[in-house]
Amino acid sequence: MQEPANSCALDAAPTSPPAPAPPAIPELAGRGLRHAARWFYHPYTLLAEAQARHGNTFYTHLPSLGRVLVTGEPHITRATISNGDLVGGRGTRFLRPLLGEDTLIILEGEAHRRRHKLLAPHFRQRAVRHLDALTLARCEQVLHALAPGDTFTAAQLARDITLPLIVRLIFGELDDEMQREAENIVASICHAFENPLFLFLRPLQFRLGGLAPWGRLVKHRARLNDFIDARLAAGAEDQDGALLACLARALKENAGVTRTSIHHEILSLLLFGHDTSAVTLAWLFYHVYRDPRVLDALAAELEDMNDLTAVCDDESSFLAACVRESMRLCPVVVHLTRVAVRDTEVADIPVRQGQAVLPSAWLAQHNASIYSQPEHFDPWRYLQAQAGRDDNPYAFFPFGLGARKCIGEPLAMRQLKLILASAVHHGQLELLHHTLAPTRQMLLIGPRGGTPMRRQA
């Protein structure tokens, strides 16, 4: 006889209470063109509103990605990055018409690991220090070329300084004519078009005989490929220390590198390594020069410095604090993208195959439970004991996380410190505008106008 459903055997083993259901994830209202345009052009504003209304984790709809999970919670970000069913690279599909299929920013899995292992040694601290003297010399040259009253933008100042450096890192020592040719090609590619929609909308990618913006880009890209091929033919593998030499040897040894992948990889490094540093430095100059207290404290630290590289080696310096705080407040890349290759979950949140999870640096770095008054530029927070400030890498990740973390971080941090230190030490510069709105500049979010400045009269 079947036991009644409501009966209870006296000797039955006690049962555990059911596990609590995961908290409901709020939905950020809005979809369609207006919502997409706000996410694309004004992500800081949209994320600030979403954080105030929904906290640090929510769902939203984005073109081409569909319904995505966006998070700035460290434990969810950690679960995302450590989950092997969530892969990077697929969020950069829109870059493939520009960069091709075979470059570090797009490769996945074992192919990505092999390419990372090949390239990473050229960007480690020990490797990038040999550019210090060249960086300081270039800073002095560019700053001294400014006459009293001259106006410029911090972003262009950074490009003028860093362009010869990235060319040297990739190609090694060139004669003056070849150095100028390489710099002109890179500058032409960077200025082929300014509207970021050309990267995202295929209908805009027409050539029109090289007259249309996309056509100009393709023409200059072909010039870069010809320059690379000429260097390979001239024995680039003999240029010890140059990144192209490493790629050339891998090509010669048939070690997973083709001539086409060399073209793609160098274009990727020139475009995104060079320009990311320039936009980051534009924010850095904006934050430092708009606050007299910050500028005075930094000038005092640098006043008696005969060797500016010494302060760059000190991670507890006020200079280092300014750089970190600027990147915390205004990350130029607002989120990472990971796509599920099969049904999975992160921190008890189900994620279906094909769905994207977006760990957001902006949300994480504006988390009030970790950073007090997160909307304020306050480099002194890094000079005080603040629990959780640096202990949790998932609360501060302007260069990304995990295996896909930007390999150029050591170079970028070194250059940011040296350029800012040189400008404060020698520059006599001032801001033209003390309020600048964030705006999209290709893939990056930077201050409008690149931070207009002036050499003091």
Protein backbone atom coordinates (compact mmCIF):
# COMPACT_ATOMS: atom_id res chain seq x y z
CA MET A 1 0.00 0.00 0.00
CA GLN A 2 1.39 3.38 -1.01
CA GLU A 3 2.22 5.76 1.81
CA PRO A 4 0.08 8.86 1.84
CA ALA A 5 1.86 11.86 0.39
CA ASN A 6 1.46 13.89 3.57
CA SER A 7 2.67 11.21 5.98
CA CYS A 8 6.13 11.34 7.55
CA ALA A 9 8.10 8.29 8.72
CA LEU A 10 9.41 8.86 12.25
CA ASP A 11 12.74 7.21 11.51
CA ALA A 12 13.41 8.97 8.21
CA ALA A 13 16.78 10.69 7.93
CA PRO A 14 16.58 14.45 8.24
CA THR A 15 16.76 16.23 4.89
CA SER A 16 18.87 19.28 4.15
CA PRO A 17 17.00 22.47 3.42
CA PRO A 18 16.89 23.30 -0.28
CA ALA A 19 19.70 25.51 -1.54
CA PRO A 20 18.67 29.14 -1.83
CA ALA A 21 17.85 30.24 -5.34
CA PRO A 22 20.40 32.59 -6.91
CA PRO A 23 19.35 36.22 -6.69
CA ALA A 24 17.32 37.51 -9.58
CA ILE A 25 19.42 39.53 -12.01
CA PRO A 26 17.77 42.82 -12.99
CA GLU A 27 17.19 43.74 -16.62
CA LEU A 28 18.44 47.08 -17.94
CA ALA A 29 15.52 48.55 -19.84
CA GLY A 30 16.06 49.52 -23.44
CA ARG A 31 16.93 47.94 -26.74
CA GLY A 32 17.00 48.98 -30.35
CA LEU A 33 18.99 51.73 -32.02
CA ARG A 34 18.75 54.33 -29.28
CA HIS A 35 19.95 51.93 -26.60
CA ALA A 36 22.74 50.64 -28.86
CA ALA A 37 23.83 54.19 -29.68
CA ARG A 38 24.06 55.10 -26.00
CA TRP A 39 26.09 51.96 -25.23
CA PHE A 40 28.35 52.68 -28.19
CA TYR A 41 28.89 56.44 -27.85
CA HIS A 42 28.19 57.15 -24.16
CA PRO A 43 28.97 53.98 -22.17
CA TYR A 44 30.17 55.84 -19.05
CA THR A 45 26.82 57.61 -18.68
CA LEU A 46 24.78 54.51 -19.39
CA LEU A 47 26.79 52.37 -16.98
CA ALA A 48 26.58 55.01 -14.24
CA GLU A 49 22.79 55.09 -14.58
CA ALA A 50 22.58 51.30 -14.64
CA GLN A 51 24.80 50.97 -11.58
CA ALA A 52 22.72 53.50 -9.63
CA ARG A 53 19.48 51.71 -10.57
CA HIS A 54 20.47 48.04 -10.63
CA GLY A 55 23.83 47.66 -8.91
CA ASN A 56 26.88 46.01 -10.43
CA THR A 57 25.27 43.13 -12.33
CA PHE A 58 22.44 43.20 -14.85
CA TYR A 59 21.25 41.95 -18.23
CA THR A 60 20.95 44.10 -21.32
CA HIS A 61 20.50 43.68 -25.07
CA LEU A 62 23.25 44.64 -27.51
CA PRO A 63 23.41 44.43 -31.31
CA SER A 64 25.09 41.25 -32.62
CA LEU A 65 25.50 39.91 -29.06
CA GLY A 66 21.85 39.68 -28.03
CA ARG A 67 21.00 39.41 -24.34
CA VAL A 68 24.26 39.73 -22.38
CA LEU A 69 25.19 39.57 -18.71
CA VAL A 70 27.15 42.64 -17.60
CA THR A 71 28.96 42.59 -14.26
CA GLY A 72 31.34 44.57 -12.12
CA GLU A 73 31.19 42.22 -9.14
CA PRO A 74 34.64 40.73 -8.44
CA HIS A 75 33.40 37.22 -7.61
CA ILE A 76 31.32 37.00 -10.80
CA THR A 77 34.17 38.38 -12.89
CA ARG A 78 36.54 35.84 -11.35
CA ALA A 79 34.11 33.01 -12.10
CA THR A 80 33.81 34.25 -15.67
CA ILE A 81 37.54 34.45 -16.34
CA SER A 82 38.24 31.06 -14.76
CA ASN A 83 35.45 29.28 -16.66
CA GLY A 84 36.88 27.34 -19.59
CA ASP A 85 33.49 27.30 -21.31
CA LEU A 86 33.66 31.09 -21.71
CA VAL A 87 36.14 32.15 -24.37
CA GLY A 88 37.62 35.44 -25.50
CA GLY A 89 38.36 36.53 -29.05
CA ARG A 90 34.82 36.16 -30.37
CA GLY A 91 33.85 39.59 -29.13
CA THR A 92 36.34 41.05 -31.61
CA ARG A 93 34.79 39.56 -34.76
CA PHE A 94 34.06 43.01 -36.14
CA LEU A 95 37.84 43.59 -36.34
CA ARG A 96 38.44 40.72 -38.74
CA PRO A 97 37.91 42.74 -41.95
CA LEU A 98 40.67 45.02 -40.67
CA LEU A 99 43.07 42.62 -38.92
CA GLY A 100 42.31 39.25 -40.48
CA GLU A 101 41.87 35.96 -38.62
CA ASP A 102 45.40 35.34 -37.42
CA THR A 103 46.38 37.84 -34.75
CA LEU A 104 46.68 37.66 -30.97
CA ILE A 105 43.61 39.81 -30.34
CA ILE A 106 41.42 37.37 -32.31
CA LEU A 107 43.01 33.94 -31.88
CA GLU A 108 41.54 31.50 -29.35
CA GLY A 109 42.67 28.46 -27.39
CA GLU A 110 46.00 26.83 -28.15
CA ALA A 111 46.70 29.12 -31.12
CA HIS A 112 46.33 32.13 -28.83
CA ARG A 113 48.61 30.59 -26.19
CA ARG A 114 51.35 29.89 -28.75
CA ARG A 115 51.22 33.40 -30.19
CA HIS A 116 51.19 34.96 -26.72
CA LYS A 117 54.26 32.92 -25.74
CA LEU A 118 56.04 34.14 -28.86
CA LEU A 119 55.26 37.86 -28.43
CA ALA A 120 55.11 38.41 -24.66
CA PRO A 121 58.88 38.46 -23.96
CA HIS A 122 59.21 41.65 -26.03
CA PHE A 123 56.88 43.52 -23.66
CA ARG A 124 58.19 42.43 -20.26
CA GLN A 125 59.76 44.93 -17.87
CA ARG A 126 63.31 43.92 -18.63
CA ALA A 127 62.72 44.19 -22.37
CA VAL A 128 60.98 47.59 -22.38
CA ARG A 129 63.50 49.33 -20.12
CA HIS A 130 65.93 49.65 -23.01
CA LEU A 131 63.48 52.20 -24.47
CA ASP A 132 63.72 54.49 -21.40
CA ALA A 133 66.53 56.71 -22.72
CA LEU A 134 64.85 57.01 -26.11
CA THR A 135 61.52 57.83 -24.45
CA LEU A 136 63.02 60.60 -22.31
CA ALA A 137 64.96 62.02 -25.25
CA ARG A 138 61.83 62.04 -27.40
CA CYS A 139 59.82 63.68 -24.58
CA GLU A 140 62.39 66.44 -24.27
CA GLN A 141 62.48 66.96 -28.04
CA VAL A 142 58.69 67.22 -28.40
CA LEU A 143 58.19 69.40 -25.31
CA HIS A 144 61.00 71.79 -26.21
CA ALA A 145 59.52 72.20 -29.70
CA LEU A 146 56.46 73.85 -28.10
CA ALA A 147 56.74 77.62 -28.06
CA PRO A 148 55.03 79.66 -25.31
CA GLY A 149 51.35 79.95 -26.16
CA ASP A 150 51.34 76.94 -28.52
CA THR A 151 48.22 74.78 -28.27
CA PHE A 152 48.10 71.03 -28.77
CA THR A 153 46.27 67.97 -27.49
CA ALA A 154 47.64 65.55 -24.94
CA ALA A 155 46.64 62.65 -27.18
CA GLN A 156 48.65 63.99 -30.12
CA LEU A 157 51.58 64.79 -27.83
CA ALA A 158 51.55 61.16 -26.72
CA ARG A 159 51.40 59.91 -30.32
CA ASP A 160 54.29 62.14 -31.33
CA ILE A 161 56.37 60.70 -28.50
CA THR A 162 55.39 57.04 -28.66
CA LEU A 163 55.23 56.49 -32.43
CA PRO A 164 59.02 56.30 -32.92
CA LEU A 165 59.23 54.03 -29.89
CA ILE A 166 56.72 51.44 -31.11
CA VAL A 167 58.39 51.48 -34.55
CA ARG A 168 61.76 50.82 -32.86
CA LEU A 169 60.28 48.03 -30.74
CA ILE A 170 58.82 46.27 -33.78
CA PHE A 171 61.41 46.89 -36.50
CA GLY A 172 64.58 47.55 -34.54
CA GLU A 173 67.04 50.28 -35.52
CA LEU A 174 66.28 51.79 -38.95
CA ASP A 175 68.07 54.45 -40.90
CA ASP A 176 66.45 57.89 -40.83
CA GLU A 177 64.66 57.48 -44.16
CA MET A 178 63.13 54.11 -43.29
CA GLN A 179 62.18 55.34 -39.79
CA ARG A 180 60.29 58.29 -41.30
CA GLU A 181 58.62 56.01 -43.84
CA ALA A 182 57.42 53.62 -41.14
CA GLU A 183 56.12 56.47 -38.97
CA ASN A 184 54.30 58.04 -41.93
CA ILE A 185 52.62 54.76 -42.82
CA VAL A 186 51.39 54.18 -39.26
CA ALA A 187 50.15 57.77 -38.95
CA SER A 188 48.30 57.41 -42.26
CA ILE A 189 46.58 54.24 -41.08
CA CYS A 190 45.57 55.85 -37.78
CA HIS A 191 44.12 58.89 -39.61
CA ALA A 192 42.43 56.98 -42.46
CA PHE A 193 39.08 57.50 -40.75
CA GLU A 194 37.87 58.79 -37.41
CA ASN A 195 34.26 57.57 -37.29
CA PRO A 196 34.31 54.24 -35.42
CA LEU A 197 31.21 53.05 -37.30
CA PHE A 198 33.48 52.12 -40.20
CA LEU A 199 34.77 49.25 -38.05
CA PHE A 200 31.33 48.02 -37.02
CA LEU A 201 29.14 48.47 -40.12
CA ARG A 202 30.07 46.33 -43.13
CA PRO A 203 28.09 48.51 -45.62
CA LEU A 204 30.54 51.35 -44.91
CA GLN A 205 33.53 49.20 -45.82
CA PHE A 206 33.75 50.06 -49.52
CA ARG A 207 36.91 51.24 -51.24
CA LEU A 208 35.81 53.60 -54.06
CA GLY A 209 39.25 53.42 -55.61
CA GLY A 210 40.96 54.42 -52.38
CA LEU A 211 38.92 57.62 -52.04
CA ALA A 212 36.49 56.38 -49.39
CA PRO A 213 37.73 56.15 -45.76
CA TRP A 214 37.82 52.35 -45.85
CA GLY A 215 39.60 52.46 -49.18
CA ARG A 216 42.26 54.79 -47.75
CA LEU A 217 42.77 52.39 -44.86
CA VAL A 218 43.20 49.42 -47.21
CA LYS A 219 45.68 51.39 -49.32
CA HIS A 220 47.81 52.35 -46.31
CA ARG A 221 47.57 48.81 -44.93
CA ALA A 222 49.02 47.55 -48.24
CA ARG A 223 51.87 50.07 -47.86
CA LEU A 224 52.59 48.68 -44.40
CA ASN A 225 52.61 45.12 -45.75
CA ASP A 226 55.08 46.12 -48.47
CA PHE A 227 57.31 47.76 -45.85
CA ILE A 228 57.21 44.60 -43.70
CA ASP A 229 58.00 42.40 -46.71
CA ALA A 230 60.97 44.60 -47.59
CA ARG A 231 62.33 44.27 -44.05
CA LEU A 232 61.85 40.48 -44.16
CA ALA A 233 63.69 40.31 -47.48
CA ALA A 234 66.53 42.37 -46.00
CA GLY A 235 67.07 39.81 -43.23
CA ALA A 236 64.88 41.08 -40.40
CA GLU A 237 65.73 38.03 -38.28
CA ASP A 238 69.19 39.50 -37.74
CA GLN A 239 67.80 42.53 -35.85
CA ASP A 240 68.36 41.24 -32.33
CA GLY A 241 65.65 42.28 -29.90
CA ALA A 242 63.19 43.51 -32.54
CA LEU A 243 59.77 41.93 -32.52
CA LEU A 244 59.84 41.48 -36.30
CA ALA A 245 63.05 39.47 -35.93
CA CYS A 246 61.25 37.06 -33.62
CA LEU A 247 58.37 36.69 -36.08
CA ALA A 248 60.79 36.28 -38.99
CA ARG A 249 62.60 33.43 -37.24
CA ALA A 250 59.27 31.76 -36.46
CA LEU A 251 58.32 32.08 -40.13
CA LYS A 252 61.63 30.58 -41.24
CA GLU A 253 61.23 27.70 -38.81
CA ASN A 254 57.60 27.12 -39.84
CA ALA A 255 56.58 27.65 -36.19
CA GLY A 256 52.92 28.54 -36.60
CA VAL A 257 53.53 31.91 -38.27
CA THR A 258 52.84 32.87 -41.88
CA ARG A 259 53.78 36.00 -43.80
CA THR A 260 50.12 37.04 -43.71
CA SER A 261 49.90 36.56 -39.95
CA ILE A 262 53.01 38.76 -39.55
CA HIS A 263 51.23 41.49 -41.53
CA HIS A 264 48.14 41.16 -39.33
CA GLU A 265 50.03 41.00 -36.03
CA ILE A 266 52.13 44.08 -36.67
CA LEU A 267 49.11 46.08 -37.84
CA SER A 268 47.28 45.08 -34.65
CA LEU A 269 50.20 46.11 -32.42
CA LEU A 270 50.70 49.42 -34.21
CA LEU A 271 47.03 50.36 -34.18
CA PHE A 272 45.88 49.25 -30.76
CA GLY A 273 49.10 49.40 -28.76
CA HIS A 274 50.08 52.84 -30.01
CA ASP A 275 46.65 54.48 -29.88
CA THR A 276 45.53 52.96 -26.58
CA SER A 277 48.48 54.57 -24.80
CA ALA A 278 47.71 57.94 -26.40
CA VAL A 279 44.07 57.95 -25.27
CA THR A 280 45.00 56.73 -21.79
CA LEU A 281 47.55 59.52 -21.49
CA ALA A 282 44.96 62.08 -22.63
CA TRP A 283 42.83 61.09 -19.60
CA LEU A 284 45.89 61.14 -17.35
CA PHE A 285 46.86 64.68 -18.34
CA TYR A 286 43.26 65.82 -17.96
CA HIS A 287 42.97 64.48 -14.40
CA VAL A 288 46.38 65.71 -13.22
CA TYR A 289 46.34 69.17 -14.76
CA ARG A 290 42.80 70.08 -13.75
CA ASP A 291 43.55 69.69 -10.02
CA PRO A 292 46.23 72.11 -8.67
CA ARG A 293 46.69 69.98 -5.53
CA VAL A 294 47.55 66.93 -7.58
CA LEU A 295 49.84 68.85 -9.92
CA ASP A 296 51.68 70.52 -7.03
CA ALA A 297 52.15 67.22 -5.18
CA LEU A 298 53.48 65.55 -8.30
CA ALA A 299 55.81 68.46 -9.10
CA ALA A 300 57.16 68.33 -5.54
CA GLU A 301 57.91 64.60 -5.87
CA LEU A 302 59.76 65.16 -9.14
CA GLU A 303 61.52 68.41 -8.20
CA ASP A 304 64.91 67.02 -7.27
CA MET A 305 64.84 64.02 -9.57
CA ASN A 306 67.90 63.86 -11.79
CA ASP A 307 66.87 60.47 -13.14
CA LEU A 308 63.15 60.21 -13.89
CA THR A 309 63.41 56.47 -14.43
CA ALA A 310 64.03 56.07 -10.70
CA VAL A 311 60.57 57.31 -9.75
CA CYS A 312 59.07 55.08 -12.45
CA ASP A 313 60.54 52.07 -10.65
CA ASP A 314 58.78 53.04 -7.41
CA GLU A 315 55.27 51.56 -7.33
CA SER A 316 54.55 53.44 -4.09
CA SER A 317 55.23 56.84 -5.68
CA PHE A 318 52.63 59.53 -6.14
CA LEU A 319 53.35 59.32 -9.88
CA ALA A 320 52.30 55.66 -9.92
CA ALA A 321 49.21 56.54 -7.87
CA CYS A 322 48.16 59.18 -10.40
CA VAL A 323 48.48 56.73 -13.28
CA ARG A 324 46.50 54.01 -11.53
CA GLU A 325 43.78 56.40 -10.37
CA SER A 326 43.28 57.84 -13.85
CA MET A 327 42.91 54.35 -15.33
CA ARG A 328 40.54 53.38 -12.52
CA LEU A 329 38.31 56.38 -13.02
CA CYS A 330 38.29 56.35 -16.83
CA PRO A 331 39.17 52.96 -18.33
CA VAL A 332 39.51 53.40 -22.08
CA VAL A 333 38.04 49.92 -22.64
CA VAL A 334 34.88 49.65 -20.58
CA HIS A 335 34.35 45.89 -20.70
CA LEU A 336 35.77 42.52 -21.69
CA THR A 337 33.74 39.99 -23.66
CA ARG A 338 33.53 36.25 -23.05
CA VAL A 339 31.20 34.00 -25.06
CA ALA A 340 29.88 30.62 -23.89
CA VAL A 341 30.79 27.71 -26.17
CA ARG A 342 28.31 25.48 -24.32
CA ASP A 343 25.71 25.85 -21.58
CA THR A 344 27.43 26.73 -18.31
CA GLU A 345 27.09 28.97 -15.28
CA VAL A 346 29.06 31.66 -13.48
CA ALA A 347 28.55 32.20 -9.75
CA ASP A 348 25.29 30.19 -9.94
CA ILE A 349 24.01 32.32 -12.83
CA PRO A 350 23.09 30.17 -15.84
CA VAL A 351 24.70 31.12 -19.15
CA ARG A 352 23.49 29.45 -22.31
CA GLN A 353 25.61 28.50 -25.30
CA GLY A 354 26.36 31.51 -27.47
CA GLN A 355 25.51 34.01 -24.71
CA ALA A 356 28.10 36.68 -23.82
CA VAL A 357 29.25 37.75 -20.38
CA LEU A 358 30.79 41.22 -20.15
CA PRO A 359 33.02 41.85 -17.11
CA SER A 360 33.03 45.64 -16.95
CA ALA A 361 36.14 47.50 -15.80
CA TRP A 362 34.07 50.67 -15.46
CA LEU A 363 31.55 49.04 -13.09
CA ALA A 364 34.22 47.21 -11.08
CA GLN A 365 36.36 50.31 -10.70
CA HIS A 366 33.39 52.45 -9.61
CA ASN A 367 32.25 49.95 -6.99
CA ALA A 368 31.59 52.06 -3.87
CA SER A 369 32.06 49.05 -1.58
CA ILE A 370 35.70 48.89 -2.70
CA TYR A 371 36.56 52.48 -3.67
CA SER A 372 35.27 55.26 -1.46
CA GLN A 373 33.80 58.14 -3.46
CA PRO A 374 34.61 56.31 -6.68
CA GLU A 375 33.52 59.23 -8.87
CA HIS A 376 36.38 61.44 -7.57
CA PHE A 377 39.95 61.52 -8.83
CA ASP A 378 41.88 60.81 -5.65
CA PRO A 379 45.39 59.37 -6.15
CA TRP A 380 46.02 59.63 -2.40
CA ARG A 381 43.77 56.59 -1.96
CA TYR A 382 46.71 54.49 -3.20
CA LEU A 383 49.05 55.92 -0.59
CA GLN A 384 46.84 54.82 2.29
CA ALA A 385 46.06 51.40 3.68
CA GLN A 386 42.76 50.51 2.06
CA ALA A 387 41.55 46.95 2.47
CA GLY A 388 40.77 45.33 -0.83
CA ARG A 389 42.23 48.12 -2.91
CA ASP A 390 44.89 46.10 -4.71
CA ASP A 391 44.35 42.67 -3.21
CA ASN A 392 41.59 41.79 -5.65
CA PRO A 393 42.63 41.96 -9.31
CA TYR A 394 38.98 41.52 -10.29
CA ALA A 395 38.22 45.00 -8.95
CA PHE A 396 40.82 46.75 -11.14
CA PHE A 397 41.55 45.49 -14.63
CA PRO A 398 42.10 48.28 -17.18
CA PHE A 399 44.40 45.97 -19.15
CA GLY A 400 42.08 42.97 -19.04
CA LEU A 401 42.38 39.70 -17.15
CA GLY A 402 43.65 36.17 -17.42
CA ALA A 403 45.32 34.70 -20.48
CA ARG A 404 43.98 37.52 -22.65
CA LYS A 405 45.40 40.32 -20.53
CA CYS A 406 47.11 42.94 -22.69
CA ILE A 407 50.74 41.94 -23.26
CA GLY A 408 51.64 45.61 -23.70
CA GLU A 409 50.87 46.55 -20.07
CA PRO A 410 54.53 46.86 -18.91
CA LEU A 411 55.42 49.04 -21.90
CA ALA A 412 52.30 51.21 -21.56
CA MET A 413 52.76 51.75 -17.81
CA ARG A 414 56.41 52.65 -18.29
CA GLN A 415 55.65 55.14 -21.03
CA LEU A 416 52.72 56.74 -19.19
CA LYS A 417 54.89 57.41 -16.15
CA LEU A 418 57.88 58.70 -18.11
CA ILE A 419 55.82 61.02 -20.32
CA LEU A 420 53.81 62.48 -17.44
CA ALA A 421 56.95 62.89 -15.31
CA SER A 422 58.74 64.64 -18.18
CA ALA A 423 55.80 66.95 -18.87
CA VAL A 424 55.44 67.99 -15.23
CA HIS A 425 59.20 68.31 -14.73
CA HIS A 426 59.94 70.31 -17.88
CA GLY A 427 56.72 71.19 -19.62
CA GLN A 428 55.02 74.24 -18.07
CA LEU A 429 51.72 73.09 -19.52
CA GLU A 430 48.11 73.95 -18.74
CA LEU A 431 44.64 72.74 -19.66
CA LEU A 432 42.48 74.76 -22.00
CA HIS A 433 39.21 73.18 -20.78
CA HIS A 434 38.58 71.90 -17.27
CA THR A 435 35.47 69.91 -18.18
CA LEU A 436 35.74 67.33 -20.95
CA ALA A 437 33.08 64.75 -21.80
CA PRO A 438 34.04 61.17 -22.59
CA THR A 439 33.59 60.21 -26.22
CA ARG A 440 34.29 57.15 -28.35
CA GLN A 441 37.47 57.27 -30.40
CA MET A 442 37.47 54.15 -32.58
CA LEU A 443 37.48 51.27 -30.05
CA LEU A 444 38.37 53.44 -27.07
CA ILE A 445 36.65 55.93 -24.77
CA GLY A 446 38.69 59.11 -24.35
CA PRO A 447 38.25 62.77 -23.40
CA ARG A 448 36.61 64.87 -26.09
CA GLY A 449 39.17 66.58 -28.29
CA GLY A 450 42.05 64.52 -26.89
CA THR A 451 42.51 66.97 -23.96
CA PRO A 452 43.35 70.38 -25.49
CA MET A 453 46.33 72.02 -23.73
CA ARG A 454 48.69 74.97 -24.06
CA ARG A 455 52.32 75.73 -23.32
CA GLN A 456 52.26 78.53 -20.77
CA ALA A 457 53.34 81.95 -22.01
